[in-house]
Amino acid sequence: MTTALPRVVSAQDWQAARDALLVKEKELMKAADHLTAERRRLPMVRFDKAYEFTSAEGKKSLLDLFEGRRQLIVYHFMLHPGDEAGCPGCSLVVDNVPHLAHLHARDVTFVVTAPATLPEIERYKARMGWDLPWVSANGSDFTEDCGVGRFFGTSVFLRDGDDVYRTYFTSGRGAETFSAVHRYLDITPFGRQEAWEEESRGSDEPGGWWRRHDEY
């Protein structure tokens, strides 16, 4: 239960505290900029296996997923054959995907893949009200070759002509990078209300409060 409240101070004292925090926020942002630049300079590995995905438009190769653009972001979603519903955490991530026009404007295509069959994917998409592009990796080695297994993650690929390379991968708490929900909660006094944050801020385990958006 969240009980601890911030101290009540004068407007002058509040502004002083806010200005002091702003210095640290700017330092953190600059450090993140340096890390982002280092991420862009990571080496890459060629992905030249003939992967086949199933989509609503028919069979597609990994190269097809780029839709002619140079860069591709793939979210590996935890929805497996026989699952009645997708992972709540993955569902939260997909709920936070921005309008794809903004990515397309910077030569980036976004697609969600899952090991489930296409009918299973389409049923879950309809339930969640999503219109993002999804493909089924069922019957393909793609998920395993990306080191995902039955877990989740985000892969980034680069196309140089017809040659495809993997440039980045993140999973676990790395997925928080793509969650606007977490970013908004992190600026509130009670935060995420998870036990690890601070004493008296909450009792939930990390991610323990997540639900599919039609289950709250």
N, C-alpha and C. Protein backbone atom coordinates (compact mmCIF):
# COMPACT_ATOMS: atom_id res chain seq x y z
N MET A 1 0.83 -1.19 0.00
CA MET A 1 0.00 0.00 0.00
C MET A 1 0.87 1.24 0.00
N THR A 2 0.57 2.20 -0.84
CA THR A 2 1.34 3.42 -0.93
C THR A 2 0.88 4.40 0.14
N THR A 3 1.80 4.80 1.05
CA THR A 3 1.43 5.68 2.15
C THR A 3 2.28 6.94 2.23
N ALA A 4 3.53 6.87 1.82
CA ALA A 4 4.45 8.00 1.98
C ALA A 4 4.11 9.13 1.02
N LEU A 5 3.93 10.33 1.55
CA LEU A 5 3.62 11.50 0.73
C LEU A 5 4.84 12.43 0.70
N PRO A 6 5.00 13.19 -0.36
CA PRO A 6 6.09 14.18 -0.40
C PRO A 6 5.90 15.24 0.68
N ARG A 7 7.00 15.87 1.09
CA ARG A 7 6.92 16.97 2.05
C ARG A 7 6.20 18.16 1.43
N VAL A 8 5.51 18.91 2.23
CA VAL A 8 4.88 20.15 1.79
C VAL A 8 5.83 21.30 2.10
N VAL A 9 6.18 22.08 1.07
CA VAL A 9 7.11 23.20 1.23
C VAL A 9 6.55 24.44 0.55
N SER A 10 7.25 25.54 0.68
CA SER A 10 6.84 26.77 -0.01
C SER A 10 7.13 26.66 -1.49
N ALA A 11 6.50 27.54 -2.26
CA ALA A 11 6.73 27.55 -3.71
C ALA A 11 8.20 27.81 -4.02
N GLN A 12 8.85 28.66 -3.24
CA GLN A 12 10.27 28.97 -3.45
C GLN A 12 11.14 27.75 -3.21
N ASP A 13 10.86 27.03 -2.13
CA ASP A 13 11.64 25.84 -1.82
C ASP A 13 11.38 24.74 -2.85
N TRP A 14 10.12 24.65 -3.31
CA TRP A 14 9.80 23.66 -4.35
C TRP A 14 10.60 23.94 -5.61
N GLN A 15 10.66 25.22 -6.02
CA GLN A 15 11.39 25.58 -7.23
C GLN A 15 12.87 25.27 -7.10
N ALA A 16 13.43 25.53 -5.91
CA ALA A 16 14.84 25.24 -5.69
C ALA A 16 15.12 23.73 -5.80
N ALA A 17 14.22 22.92 -5.22
CA ALA A 17 14.38 21.48 -5.30
C ALA A 17 14.22 20.99 -6.74
N ARG A 18 13.27 21.58 -7.43
CA ARG A 18 13.06 21.20 -8.83
C ARG A 18 14.27 21.56 -9.69
N ASP A 19 14.85 22.74 -9.47
CA ASP A 19 16.03 23.17 -10.23
C ASP A 19 17.22 22.25 -9.96
N ALA A 20 17.37 21.82 -8.72
CA ALA A 20 18.48 20.92 -8.37
C ALA A 20 18.30 19.56 -9.06
N LEU A 21 17.05 19.07 -9.09
CA LEU A 21 16.80 17.80 -9.77
C LEU A 21 17.01 17.93 -11.27
N LEU A 22 16.66 19.08 -11.83
CA LEU A 22 16.80 19.29 -13.27
C LEU A 22 18.26 19.15 -13.71
N VAL A 23 19.19 19.59 -12.89
CA VAL A 23 20.61 19.43 -13.20
C VAL A 23 20.95 17.95 -13.37
N LYS A 24 20.44 17.11 -12.45
CA LYS A 24 20.70 15.68 -12.52
C LYS A 24 19.99 15.04 -13.71
N GLU A 25 18.78 15.52 -14.00
CA GLU A 25 18.05 14.98 -15.16
C GLU A 25 18.80 15.27 -16.46
N LYS A 26 19.37 16.46 -16.56
CA LYS A 26 20.13 16.80 -17.77
C LYS A 26 21.39 15.97 -17.88
N GLU A 27 22.04 15.71 -16.75
CA GLU A 27 23.23 14.85 -16.75
C GLU A 27 22.88 13.44 -17.21
N LEU A 28 21.76 12.94 -16.71
CA LEU A 28 21.32 11.61 -17.11
C LEU A 28 20.99 11.56 -18.58
N MET A 29 20.33 12.60 -19.10
CA MET A 29 19.97 12.61 -20.51
C MET A 29 21.21 12.64 -21.40
N LYS A 30 22.22 13.42 -21.00
CA LYS A 30 23.45 13.47 -21.78
C LYS A 30 24.17 12.13 -21.75
N ALA A 31 24.16 11.47 -20.59
CA ALA A 31 24.77 10.14 -20.50
C ALA A 31 24.03 9.16 -21.39
N ALA A 32 22.69 9.28 -21.42
CA ALA A 32 21.89 8.40 -22.28
C ALA A 32 22.18 8.67 -23.75
N ASP A 33 22.43 9.93 -24.11
CA ASP A 33 22.79 10.27 -25.49
C ASP A 33 24.09 9.60 -25.89
N HIS A 34 25.07 9.59 -24.99
CA HIS A 34 26.36 8.93 -25.28
C HIS A 34 26.17 7.43 -25.44
N LEU A 35 25.32 6.83 -24.58
CA LEU A 35 25.07 5.40 -24.68
C LEU A 35 24.34 5.07 -25.98
N THR A 36 23.40 5.92 -26.37
CA THR A 36 22.69 5.71 -27.63
C THR A 36 23.65 5.75 -28.82
N ALA A 37 24.61 6.66 -28.78
CA ALA A 37 25.60 6.74 -29.86
C ALA A 37 26.45 5.47 -29.89
N GLU A 38 26.80 4.97 -28.71
CA GLU A 38 27.56 3.72 -28.64
C GLU A 38 26.75 2.56 -29.19
N ARG A 39 25.45 2.56 -28.93
CA ARG A 39 24.56 1.52 -29.45
C ARG A 39 24.54 1.56 -30.98
N ARG A 40 24.52 2.75 -31.55
CA ARG A 40 24.51 2.86 -33.02
C ARG A 40 25.79 2.33 -33.63
N ARG A 41 26.88 2.35 -32.89
CA ARG A 41 28.18 1.91 -33.41
C ARG A 41 28.44 0.42 -33.16
N LEU A 42 27.46 -0.30 -32.60
CA LEU A 42 27.64 -1.74 -32.42
C LEU A 42 27.92 -2.42 -33.76
N PRO A 43 28.74 -3.47 -33.77
CA PRO A 43 28.91 -4.24 -35.01
C PRO A 43 27.62 -4.98 -35.33
N MET A 44 27.57 -5.60 -36.51
CA MET A 44 26.36 -6.31 -36.90
C MET A 44 26.71 -7.70 -37.42
N VAL A 45 25.68 -8.57 -37.43
CA VAL A 45 25.88 -9.94 -37.87
C VAL A 45 24.89 -10.24 -39.00
N ARG A 46 25.36 -10.95 -39.99
CA ARG A 46 24.52 -11.23 -41.15
C ARG A 46 23.47 -12.29 -40.83
N PHE A 47 22.25 -12.05 -41.28
CA PHE A 47 21.15 -12.99 -41.17
C PHE A 47 20.76 -13.39 -42.59
N ASP A 48 21.27 -14.53 -43.04
CA ASP A 48 21.06 -14.90 -44.44
C ASP A 48 20.27 -16.20 -44.62
N LYS A 49 19.68 -16.71 -43.51
CA LYS A 49 18.86 -17.90 -43.64
C LYS A 49 17.54 -17.54 -44.32
N ALA A 50 16.97 -18.48 -45.04
CA ALA A 50 15.72 -18.23 -45.78
C ALA A 50 14.52 -18.41 -44.86
N TYR A 51 14.32 -17.48 -43.95
CA TYR A 51 13.17 -17.55 -43.04
C TYR A 51 11.87 -17.29 -43.81
N GLU A 52 10.83 -17.99 -43.40
CA GLU A 52 9.51 -17.79 -44.03
C GLU A 52 8.50 -17.47 -42.93
N PHE A 53 7.82 -16.34 -43.11
CA PHE A 53 6.79 -15.90 -42.18
C PHE A 53 5.42 -15.96 -42.87
N THR A 54 4.39 -16.13 -42.07
CA THR A 54 3.03 -16.13 -42.60
C THR A 54 2.34 -14.84 -42.16
N SER A 55 1.78 -14.13 -43.12
CA SER A 55 1.08 -12.88 -42.83
C SER A 55 -0.30 -12.91 -43.45
N ALA A 56 -1.11 -11.91 -43.15
CA ALA A 56 -2.45 -11.82 -43.74
C ALA A 56 -2.37 -11.66 -45.25
N GLU A 57 -1.20 -11.18 -45.73
CA GLU A 57 -1.03 -11.00 -47.18
C GLU A 57 -0.36 -12.20 -47.84
N GLY A 58 -0.02 -13.22 -47.06
CA GLY A 58 0.63 -14.40 -47.61
C GLY A 58 2.02 -14.61 -47.02
N LYS A 59 2.80 -15.46 -47.65
CA LYS A 59 4.14 -15.79 -47.18
C LYS A 59 5.09 -14.61 -47.40
N LYS A 60 5.99 -14.39 -46.41
CA LYS A 60 6.96 -13.32 -46.52
C LYS A 60 8.32 -13.80 -46.05
N SER A 61 9.36 -13.23 -46.64
CA SER A 61 10.73 -13.49 -46.19
C SER A 61 11.13 -12.40 -45.21
N LEU A 62 12.27 -12.55 -44.57
CA LEU A 62 12.78 -11.51 -43.69
C LEU A 62 12.99 -10.22 -44.46
N LEU A 63 13.49 -10.33 -45.67
CA LEU A 63 13.70 -9.15 -46.51
C LEU A 63 12.37 -8.46 -46.82
N ASP A 64 11.31 -9.24 -47.02
CA ASP A 64 10.00 -8.66 -47.30
C ASP A 64 9.50 -7.80 -46.14
N LEU A 65 9.87 -8.18 -44.91
CA LEU A 65 9.36 -7.46 -43.75
C LEU A 65 9.81 -6.00 -43.72
N PHE A 66 10.91 -5.69 -44.40
CA PHE A 66 11.40 -4.31 -44.44
C PHE A 66 10.46 -3.39 -45.22
N GLU A 67 9.66 -3.95 -46.11
CA GLU A 67 8.75 -3.17 -46.97
C GLU A 67 9.50 -2.08 -47.73
N GLY A 68 10.72 -2.41 -48.15
CA GLY A 68 11.51 -1.48 -48.95
C GLY A 68 12.32 -0.48 -48.14
N ARG A 69 12.12 -0.41 -46.85
CA ARG A 69 12.89 0.52 -46.02
C ARG A 69 14.23 -0.10 -45.63
N ARG A 70 15.12 0.71 -45.09
CA ARG A 70 16.46 0.23 -44.78
C ARG A 70 16.56 -0.41 -43.40
N GLN A 71 15.68 -0.02 -42.47
CA GLN A 71 15.79 -0.48 -41.10
C GLN A 71 14.49 -1.16 -40.66
N LEU A 72 14.65 -2.16 -39.79
CA LEU A 72 13.50 -2.95 -39.35
C LEU A 72 13.60 -3.20 -37.85
N ILE A 73 12.53 -2.91 -37.13
CA ILE A 73 12.42 -3.26 -35.71
C ILE A 73 11.42 -4.40 -35.59
N VAL A 74 11.83 -5.47 -34.94
CA VAL A 74 10.98 -6.65 -34.73
C VAL A 74 10.75 -6.83 -33.24
N TYR A 75 9.49 -6.88 -32.85
CA TYR A 75 9.18 -7.23 -31.46
C TYR A 75 8.80 -8.70 -31.42
N HIS A 76 9.53 -9.47 -30.63
CA HIS A 76 9.28 -10.90 -30.47
C HIS A 76 8.27 -11.07 -29.34
N PHE A 77 7.03 -11.38 -29.68
CA PHE A 77 5.91 -11.43 -28.75
C PHE A 77 5.73 -12.84 -28.20
N MET A 78 5.44 -12.93 -26.91
CA MET A 78 5.21 -14.23 -26.27
C MET A 78 3.77 -14.69 -26.49
N LEU A 79 3.52 -15.25 -27.65
CA LEU A 79 2.26 -15.90 -27.97
C LEU A 79 2.62 -17.16 -28.74
N HIS A 80 2.41 -18.30 -28.10
CA HIS A 80 2.86 -19.57 -28.66
C HIS A 80 1.66 -20.43 -29.08
N PRO A 81 1.89 -21.41 -29.93
CA PRO A 81 0.79 -22.28 -30.35
C PRO A 81 0.05 -22.87 -29.16
N GLY A 82 -1.26 -22.75 -29.16
CA GLY A 82 -2.08 -23.28 -28.08
C GLY A 82 -2.36 -22.30 -26.96
N ASP A 83 -1.67 -21.15 -26.93
CA ASP A 83 -1.94 -20.16 -25.89
C ASP A 83 -3.32 -19.54 -26.10
N GLU A 84 -4.04 -19.38 -25.01
CA GLU A 84 -5.36 -18.75 -25.11
C GLU A 84 -5.27 -17.24 -25.25
N ALA A 85 -4.17 -16.67 -24.75
CA ALA A 85 -3.98 -15.22 -24.83
C ALA A 85 -2.48 -14.93 -24.81
N GLY A 86 -2.11 -13.74 -25.23
CA GLY A 86 -0.72 -13.34 -25.24
C GLY A 86 -0.25 -12.89 -23.87
N CYS A 87 1.04 -12.78 -23.72
CA CYS A 87 1.67 -12.34 -22.49
C CYS A 87 1.18 -10.94 -22.11
N PRO A 88 0.77 -10.71 -20.84
CA PRO A 88 0.34 -9.37 -20.43
C PRO A 88 1.42 -8.31 -20.59
N GLY A 89 2.68 -8.67 -20.26
CA GLY A 89 3.76 -7.71 -20.41
C GLY A 89 4.01 -7.34 -21.86
N CYS A 90 4.02 -8.34 -22.74
CA CYS A 90 4.17 -8.08 -24.17
C CYS A 90 3.01 -7.23 -24.68
N SER A 91 1.83 -7.51 -24.15
CA SER A 91 0.66 -6.75 -24.57
C SER A 91 0.79 -5.29 -24.18
N LEU A 92 1.36 -5.04 -22.99
CA LEU A 92 1.58 -3.66 -22.56
C LEU A 92 2.57 -2.97 -23.50
N VAL A 93 3.63 -3.68 -23.89
CA VAL A 93 4.61 -3.11 -24.81
C VAL A 93 3.95 -2.74 -26.13
N VAL A 94 3.16 -3.65 -26.68
CA VAL A 94 2.51 -3.37 -27.97
C VAL A 94 1.50 -2.24 -27.85
N ASP A 95 0.83 -2.12 -26.70
CA ASP A 95 -0.08 -1.00 -26.47
C ASP A 95 0.65 0.34 -26.57
N ASN A 96 1.96 0.33 -26.34
CA ASN A 96 2.74 1.56 -26.31
C ASN A 96 3.48 1.87 -27.61
N VAL A 97 3.27 1.07 -28.64
CA VAL A 97 3.91 1.33 -29.93
C VAL A 97 3.36 2.64 -30.51
N PRO A 98 4.22 3.54 -30.98
CA PRO A 98 3.73 4.82 -31.52
C PRO A 98 3.09 4.65 -32.90
N HIS A 99 2.50 5.71 -33.40
CA HIS A 99 1.97 5.69 -34.75
C HIS A 99 3.13 5.41 -35.71
N LEU A 100 2.97 4.41 -36.55
CA LEU A 100 4.09 3.96 -37.37
C LEU A 100 4.54 4.97 -38.41
N ALA A 101 3.70 5.96 -38.72
CA ALA A 101 4.10 6.98 -39.70
C ALA A 101 5.37 7.70 -39.25
N HIS A 102 5.53 7.87 -37.93
CA HIS A 102 6.70 8.56 -37.42
C HIS A 102 7.97 7.73 -37.62
N LEU A 103 7.86 6.41 -37.51
CA LEU A 103 9.00 5.54 -37.78
C LEU A 103 9.28 5.45 -39.27
N HIS A 104 8.22 5.33 -40.06
CA HIS A 104 8.39 5.25 -41.51
C HIS A 104 9.09 6.48 -42.06
N ALA A 105 8.85 7.64 -41.44
CA ALA A 105 9.46 8.88 -41.90
C ALA A 105 10.97 8.86 -41.74
N ARG A 106 11.48 8.00 -40.88
CA ARG A 106 12.93 7.86 -40.68
C ARG A 106 13.44 6.53 -41.21
N ASP A 107 12.73 5.97 -42.21
CA ASP A 107 13.19 4.78 -42.93
C ASP A 107 13.21 3.53 -42.03
N VAL A 108 12.22 3.45 -41.12
CA VAL A 108 12.14 2.32 -40.19
C VAL A 108 10.78 1.63 -40.32
N THR A 109 10.80 0.32 -40.47
CA THR A 109 9.59 -0.49 -40.48
C THR A 109 9.50 -1.22 -39.14
N PHE A 110 8.28 -1.38 -38.64
CA PHE A 110 8.05 -2.07 -37.37
C PHE A 110 7.10 -3.23 -37.61
N VAL A 111 7.44 -4.39 -37.03
CA VAL A 111 6.56 -5.55 -37.16
C VAL A 111 6.66 -6.39 -35.89
N VAL A 112 5.56 -7.05 -35.54
CA VAL A 112 5.53 -7.96 -34.40
C VAL A 112 5.55 -9.39 -34.94
N THR A 113 6.37 -10.23 -34.36
CA THR A 113 6.37 -11.65 -34.71
C THR A 113 6.01 -12.46 -33.48
N ALA A 114 5.47 -13.64 -33.71
CA ALA A 114 5.14 -14.57 -32.63
C ALA A 114 5.21 -15.99 -33.16
N PRO A 115 5.55 -16.96 -32.30
CA PRO A 115 5.60 -18.36 -32.74
C PRO A 115 4.21 -18.97 -32.98
N ALA A 116 3.15 -18.31 -32.52
CA ALA A 116 1.80 -18.84 -32.71
C ALA A 116 1.44 -18.86 -34.19
N THR A 117 0.39 -19.61 -34.51
CA THR A 117 -0.07 -19.64 -35.89
C THR A 117 -0.78 -18.33 -36.23
N LEU A 118 -0.93 -18.05 -37.51
CA LEU A 118 -1.57 -16.80 -37.91
C LEU A 118 -3.01 -16.69 -37.40
N PRO A 119 -3.85 -17.75 -37.46
CA PRO A 119 -5.20 -17.63 -36.91
C PRO A 119 -5.20 -17.28 -35.42
N GLU A 120 -4.25 -17.85 -34.66
CA GLU A 120 -4.18 -17.54 -33.23
C GLU A 120 -3.78 -16.08 -33.02
N ILE A 121 -2.85 -15.60 -33.85
CA ILE A 121 -2.44 -14.20 -33.77
C ILE A 121 -3.61 -13.28 -34.11
N GLU A 122 -4.31 -13.59 -35.18
CA GLU A 122 -5.41 -12.72 -35.61
C GLU A 122 -6.52 -12.67 -34.57
N ARG A 123 -6.78 -13.78 -33.90
CA ARG A 123 -7.80 -13.78 -32.85
C ARG A 123 -7.40 -12.85 -31.69
N TYR A 124 -6.14 -12.94 -31.30
CA TYR A 124 -5.69 -12.11 -30.18
C TYR A 124 -5.62 -10.63 -30.59
N LYS A 125 -5.18 -10.36 -31.80
CA LYS A 125 -5.17 -8.99 -32.30
C LYS A 125 -6.58 -8.39 -32.28
N ALA A 126 -7.55 -9.16 -32.70
CA ALA A 126 -8.94 -8.67 -32.72
C ALA A 126 -9.42 -8.38 -31.31
N ARG A 127 -9.09 -9.25 -30.37
CA ARG A 127 -9.48 -9.03 -28.99
C ARG A 127 -8.89 -7.72 -28.45
N MET A 128 -7.61 -7.47 -28.76
CA MET A 128 -6.92 -6.30 -28.24
C MET A 128 -7.19 -5.02 -29.06
N GLY A 129 -7.77 -5.18 -30.23
CA GLY A 129 -8.07 -4.01 -31.05
C GLY A 129 -6.84 -3.42 -31.72
N TRP A 130 -5.84 -4.24 -31.99
CA TRP A 130 -4.60 -3.76 -32.61
C TRP A 130 -4.68 -3.84 -34.13
N ASP A 131 -4.08 -2.86 -34.79
CA ASP A 131 -3.97 -2.93 -36.25
C ASP A 131 -2.51 -2.88 -36.71
N LEU A 132 -1.59 -3.13 -35.79
CA LEU A 132 -0.17 -3.18 -36.15
C LEU A 132 0.12 -4.40 -37.02
N PRO A 133 1.16 -4.31 -37.85
CA PRO A 133 1.53 -5.47 -38.67
C PRO A 133 2.13 -6.59 -37.83
N TRP A 134 1.59 -7.78 -37.98
CA TRP A 134 2.08 -8.97 -37.31
C TRP A 134 2.37 -10.04 -38.36
N VAL A 135 3.34 -10.91 -38.05
CA VAL A 135 3.57 -12.10 -38.87
C VAL A 135 3.80 -13.27 -37.93
N SER A 136 3.44 -14.43 -38.40
CA SER A 136 3.68 -15.66 -37.64
C SER A 136 5.03 -16.25 -38.03
N ALA A 137 5.83 -16.56 -37.01
CA ALA A 137 7.11 -17.23 -37.24
C ALA A 137 6.98 -18.73 -37.04
N ASN A 138 5.75 -19.22 -36.98
CA ASN A 138 5.50 -20.63 -36.75
C ASN A 138 6.15 -21.48 -37.84
N GLY A 139 6.89 -22.51 -37.43
CA GLY A 139 7.57 -23.37 -38.38
C GLY A 139 8.91 -22.83 -38.85
N SER A 140 9.30 -21.67 -38.34
CA SER A 140 10.56 -21.04 -38.73
C SER A 140 11.55 -21.11 -37.58
N ASP A 141 12.85 -21.03 -37.88
CA ASP A 141 13.89 -20.98 -36.86
C ASP A 141 14.16 -19.57 -36.37
N PHE A 142 13.41 -18.60 -36.88
CA PHE A 142 13.71 -17.20 -36.63
C PHE A 142 13.76 -16.87 -35.15
N THR A 143 12.74 -17.26 -34.39
CA THR A 143 12.69 -16.93 -32.96
C THR A 143 13.88 -17.52 -32.22
N GLU A 144 14.20 -18.78 -32.50
CA GLU A 144 15.34 -19.43 -31.84
C GLU A 144 16.65 -18.80 -32.27
N ASP A 145 16.80 -18.50 -33.55
CA ASP A 145 18.04 -17.91 -34.04
C ASP A 145 18.28 -16.52 -33.47
N CYS A 146 17.20 -15.86 -33.06
CA CYS A 146 17.34 -14.55 -32.42
C CYS A 146 17.61 -14.67 -30.93
N GLY A 147 17.69 -15.91 -30.43
CA GLY A 147 18.01 -16.13 -29.03
C GLY A 147 16.87 -15.82 -28.09
N VAL A 148 15.64 -15.86 -28.59
CA VAL A 148 14.49 -15.49 -27.79
C VAL A 148 13.88 -16.70 -27.08
N GLY A 149 13.82 -17.83 -27.76
CA GLY A 149 13.20 -19.02 -27.17
C GLY A 149 11.73 -18.75 -26.88
N ARG A 150 11.29 -19.04 -25.64
CA ARG A 150 9.90 -18.78 -25.25
C ARG A 150 9.76 -17.45 -24.52
N PHE A 151 10.80 -16.63 -24.64
CA PHE A 151 10.81 -15.35 -23.96
C PHE A 151 10.36 -14.25 -24.93
N PHE A 152 10.78 -13.02 -24.70
CA PHE A 152 10.40 -11.90 -25.55
C PHE A 152 11.64 -11.04 -25.80
N GLY A 153 11.52 -10.08 -26.67
CA GLY A 153 12.64 -9.17 -26.92
C GLY A 153 12.40 -8.31 -28.13
N THR A 154 13.32 -7.41 -28.38
CA THR A 154 13.25 -6.52 -29.53
C THR A 154 14.55 -6.63 -30.31
N SER A 155 14.44 -6.93 -31.60
CA SER A 155 15.59 -7.01 -32.49
C SER A 155 15.54 -5.88 -33.51
N VAL A 156 16.72 -5.43 -33.89
CA VAL A 156 16.83 -4.40 -34.94
C VAL A 156 17.67 -4.96 -36.07
N PHE A 157 17.19 -4.75 -37.30
CA PHE A 157 17.87 -5.24 -38.48
C PHE A 157 18.14 -4.08 -39.45
N LEU A 158 19.19 -4.24 -40.23
CA LEU A 158 19.57 -3.27 -41.25
C LEU A 158 19.67 -3.98 -42.59
N ARG A 159 19.13 -3.34 -43.61
CA ARG A 159 19.19 -3.91 -44.96
C ARG A 159 20.19 -3.11 -45.80
N ASP A 160 21.13 -3.82 -46.40
CA ASP A 160 22.08 -3.21 -47.34
C ASP A 160 21.88 -3.91 -48.67
N GLY A 161 21.07 -3.31 -49.53
CA GLY A 161 20.66 -4.00 -50.75
C GLY A 161 19.75 -5.15 -50.36
N ASP A 162 20.12 -6.37 -50.75
CA ASP A 162 19.35 -7.55 -50.36
C ASP A 162 19.98 -8.30 -49.20
N ASP A 163 21.03 -7.74 -48.63
CA ASP A 163 21.70 -8.36 -47.50
C ASP A 163 21.11 -7.81 -46.20
N VAL A 164 20.81 -8.71 -45.26
CA VAL A 164 20.17 -8.33 -44.01
C VAL A 164 21.11 -8.62 -42.84
N TYR A 165 21.21 -7.66 -41.93
CA TYR A 165 22.08 -7.78 -40.77
C TYR A 165 21.30 -7.45 -39.50
N ARG A 166 21.65 -8.16 -38.43
CA ARG A 166 21.07 -7.84 -37.12
C ARG A 166 22.04 -6.92 -36.39
N THR A 167 21.54 -5.80 -35.89
CA THR A 167 22.40 -4.80 -35.27
C THR A 167 22.21 -4.66 -33.77
N TYR A 168 21.05 -5.09 -33.24
CA TYR A 168 20.77 -4.84 -31.82
C TYR A 168 19.72 -5.80 -31.31
N PHE A 169 19.78 -6.06 -30.01
CA PHE A 169 18.75 -6.86 -29.35
C PHE A 169 18.68 -6.45 -27.89
N THR A 170 17.47 -6.40 -27.33
CA THR A 170 17.30 -6.17 -25.90
C THR A 170 16.09 -6.95 -25.41
N SER A 171 16.10 -7.28 -24.13
CA SER A 171 15.00 -8.02 -23.53
C SER A 171 14.94 -7.66 -22.04
N GLY A 172 14.16 -8.39 -21.27
CA GLY A 172 14.05 -8.10 -19.84
C GLY A 172 13.61 -6.66 -19.61
N ARG A 173 14.27 -5.99 -18.69
CA ARG A 173 13.92 -4.61 -18.39
C ARG A 173 14.24 -3.65 -19.53
N GLY A 174 14.98 -4.14 -20.52
CA GLY A 174 15.22 -3.31 -21.71
C GLY A 174 13.93 -2.93 -22.41
N ALA A 175 12.88 -3.74 -22.20
CA ALA A 175 11.59 -3.44 -22.83
C ALA A 175 10.96 -2.18 -22.25
N GLU A 176 11.38 -1.77 -21.03
CA GLU A 176 10.85 -0.55 -20.44
C GLU A 176 11.18 0.68 -21.29
N THR A 177 12.24 0.57 -22.08
CA THR A 177 12.61 1.68 -22.96
C THR A 177 11.46 2.07 -23.86
N PHE A 178 10.62 1.09 -24.22
CA PHE A 178 9.56 1.31 -25.20
C PHE A 178 8.19 1.49 -24.54
N SER A 179 8.17 1.65 -23.22
CA SER A 179 6.90 1.74 -22.50
C SER A 179 6.64 3.16 -22.01
N ALA A 180 5.76 3.86 -22.69
CA ALA A 180 5.37 5.20 -22.26
C ALA A 180 4.66 5.14 -20.91
N VAL A 181 3.96 4.04 -20.64
CA VAL A 181 3.28 3.88 -19.35
C VAL A 181 4.28 4.02 -18.21
N HIS A 182 5.43 3.34 -18.32
CA HIS A 182 6.44 3.42 -17.27
C HIS A 182 7.02 4.83 -17.17
N ARG A 183 7.24 5.47 -18.30
CA ARG A 183 7.81 6.82 -18.29
C ARG A 183 6.87 7.79 -17.57
N TYR A 184 5.57 7.66 -17.82
CA TYR A 184 4.61 8.53 -17.15
C TYR A 184 4.55 8.23 -15.65
N LEU A 185 4.49 6.94 -15.29
CA LEU A 185 4.42 6.58 -13.87
C LEU A 185 5.66 7.06 -13.12
N ASP A 186 6.82 7.05 -13.81
CA ASP A 186 8.06 7.43 -13.14
C ASP A 186 8.12 8.91 -12.76
N ILE A 187 7.24 9.75 -13.30
CA ILE A 187 7.26 11.16 -12.92
C ILE A 187 6.20 11.49 -11.87
N THR A 188 5.46 10.45 -11.42
CA THR A 188 4.42 10.67 -10.40
C THR A 188 5.00 10.41 -9.00
N PRO A 189 4.39 11.00 -7.96
CA PRO A 189 4.90 10.80 -6.60
C PRO A 189 4.92 9.33 -6.16
N PHE A 190 3.93 8.55 -6.57
CA PHE A 190 3.87 7.15 -6.14
C PHE A 190 4.61 6.21 -7.09
N GLY A 191 5.07 6.71 -8.22
CA GLY A 191 5.83 5.88 -9.15
C GLY A 191 5.06 4.67 -9.64
N ARG A 192 5.76 3.56 -9.78
CA ARG A 192 5.13 2.33 -10.27
C ARG A 192 4.44 1.55 -9.14
N GLN A 193 4.70 1.98 -7.91
CA GLN A 193 4.12 1.34 -6.73
C GLN A 193 4.55 -0.13 -6.62
N GLU A 194 5.83 -0.34 -6.95
CA GLU A 194 6.44 -1.66 -6.86
C GLU A 194 7.43 -1.67 -5.69
N ALA A 195 7.57 -2.81 -5.04
CA ALA A 195 8.32 -2.91 -3.79
C ALA A 195 9.79 -2.49 -3.93
N TRP A 196 10.39 -2.71 -5.08
CA TRP A 196 11.83 -2.46 -5.23
C TRP A 196 12.18 -0.98 -5.31
N GLU A 197 11.20 -0.13 -5.63
CA GLU A 197 11.51 1.28 -5.90
C GLU A 197 12.03 2.02 -4.66
N GLU A 198 11.17 2.10 -3.65
CA GLU A 198 11.52 2.77 -2.40
C GLU A 198 10.62 2.20 -1.31
N GLU A 199 11.07 2.31 -0.06
CA GLU A 199 10.24 1.86 1.06
C GLU A 199 8.94 2.67 1.10
N SER A 200 7.86 2.00 1.36
CA SER A 200 6.52 2.62 1.48
C SER A 200 5.98 3.13 0.17
N ARG A 201 6.52 2.66 -0.95
CA ARG A 201 5.99 3.08 -2.23
C ARG A 201 5.04 2.04 -2.84
N GLY A 202 5.07 0.83 -2.32
CA GLY A 202 4.20 -0.21 -2.86
C GLY A 202 4.70 -1.57 -2.48
N SER A 203 3.90 -2.59 -2.77
CA SER A 203 4.25 -3.96 -2.40
C SER A 203 4.28 -4.90 -3.60
N ASP A 204 3.88 -4.42 -4.78
CA ASP A 204 3.83 -5.29 -5.95
C ASP A 204 5.23 -5.67 -6.42
N GLU A 205 5.36 -6.88 -6.92
CA GLU A 205 6.60 -7.28 -7.58
C GLU A 205 6.67 -6.60 -8.94
N PRO A 206 7.89 -6.45 -9.50
CA PRO A 206 8.01 -5.83 -10.83
C PRO A 206 7.12 -6.53 -11.85
N GLY A 207 6.25 -5.76 -12.47
CA GLY A 207 5.36 -6.33 -13.48
C GLY A 207 4.18 -7.08 -12.92
N GLY A 208 4.10 -7.23 -11.59
CA GLY A 208 3.04 -8.03 -11.00
C GLY A 208 1.66 -7.41 -11.14
N TRP A 209 1.60 -6.13 -11.39
CA TRP A 209 0.30 -5.45 -11.51
C TRP A 209 -0.18 -5.37 -12.95
N TRP A 210 0.67 -5.75 -13.91
CA TRP A 210 0.29 -5.65 -15.32
C TRP A 210 -0.90 -6.56 -15.63
N ARG A 211 -1.80 -6.05 -16.43
CA ARG A 211 -2.92 -6.82 -16.96
C ARG A 211 -3.08 -6.47 -18.44
N ARG A 212 -3.71 -7.34 -19.18
CA ARG A 212 -4.10 -6.95 -20.52
C ARG A 212 -5.09 -5.79 -20.38
N HIS A 213 -5.11 -4.87 -21.34
CA HIS A 213 -5.85 -3.64 -21.11
C HIS A 213 -7.36 -3.85 -20.97
N ASP A 214 -7.88 -5.02 -21.31
CA ASP A 214 -9.31 -5.29 -21.11
C ASP A 214 -9.58 -6.08 -19.84
N GLU A 215 -8.57 -6.21 -18.97
CA GLU A 215 -8.71 -7.01 -17.76
C GLU A 215 -8.59 -6.19 -16.47
N TYR A 216 -8.33 -4.91 -16.54
CA TYR A 216 -8.23 -4.10 -15.32
C TYR A 216 -9.62 -3.89 -14.72
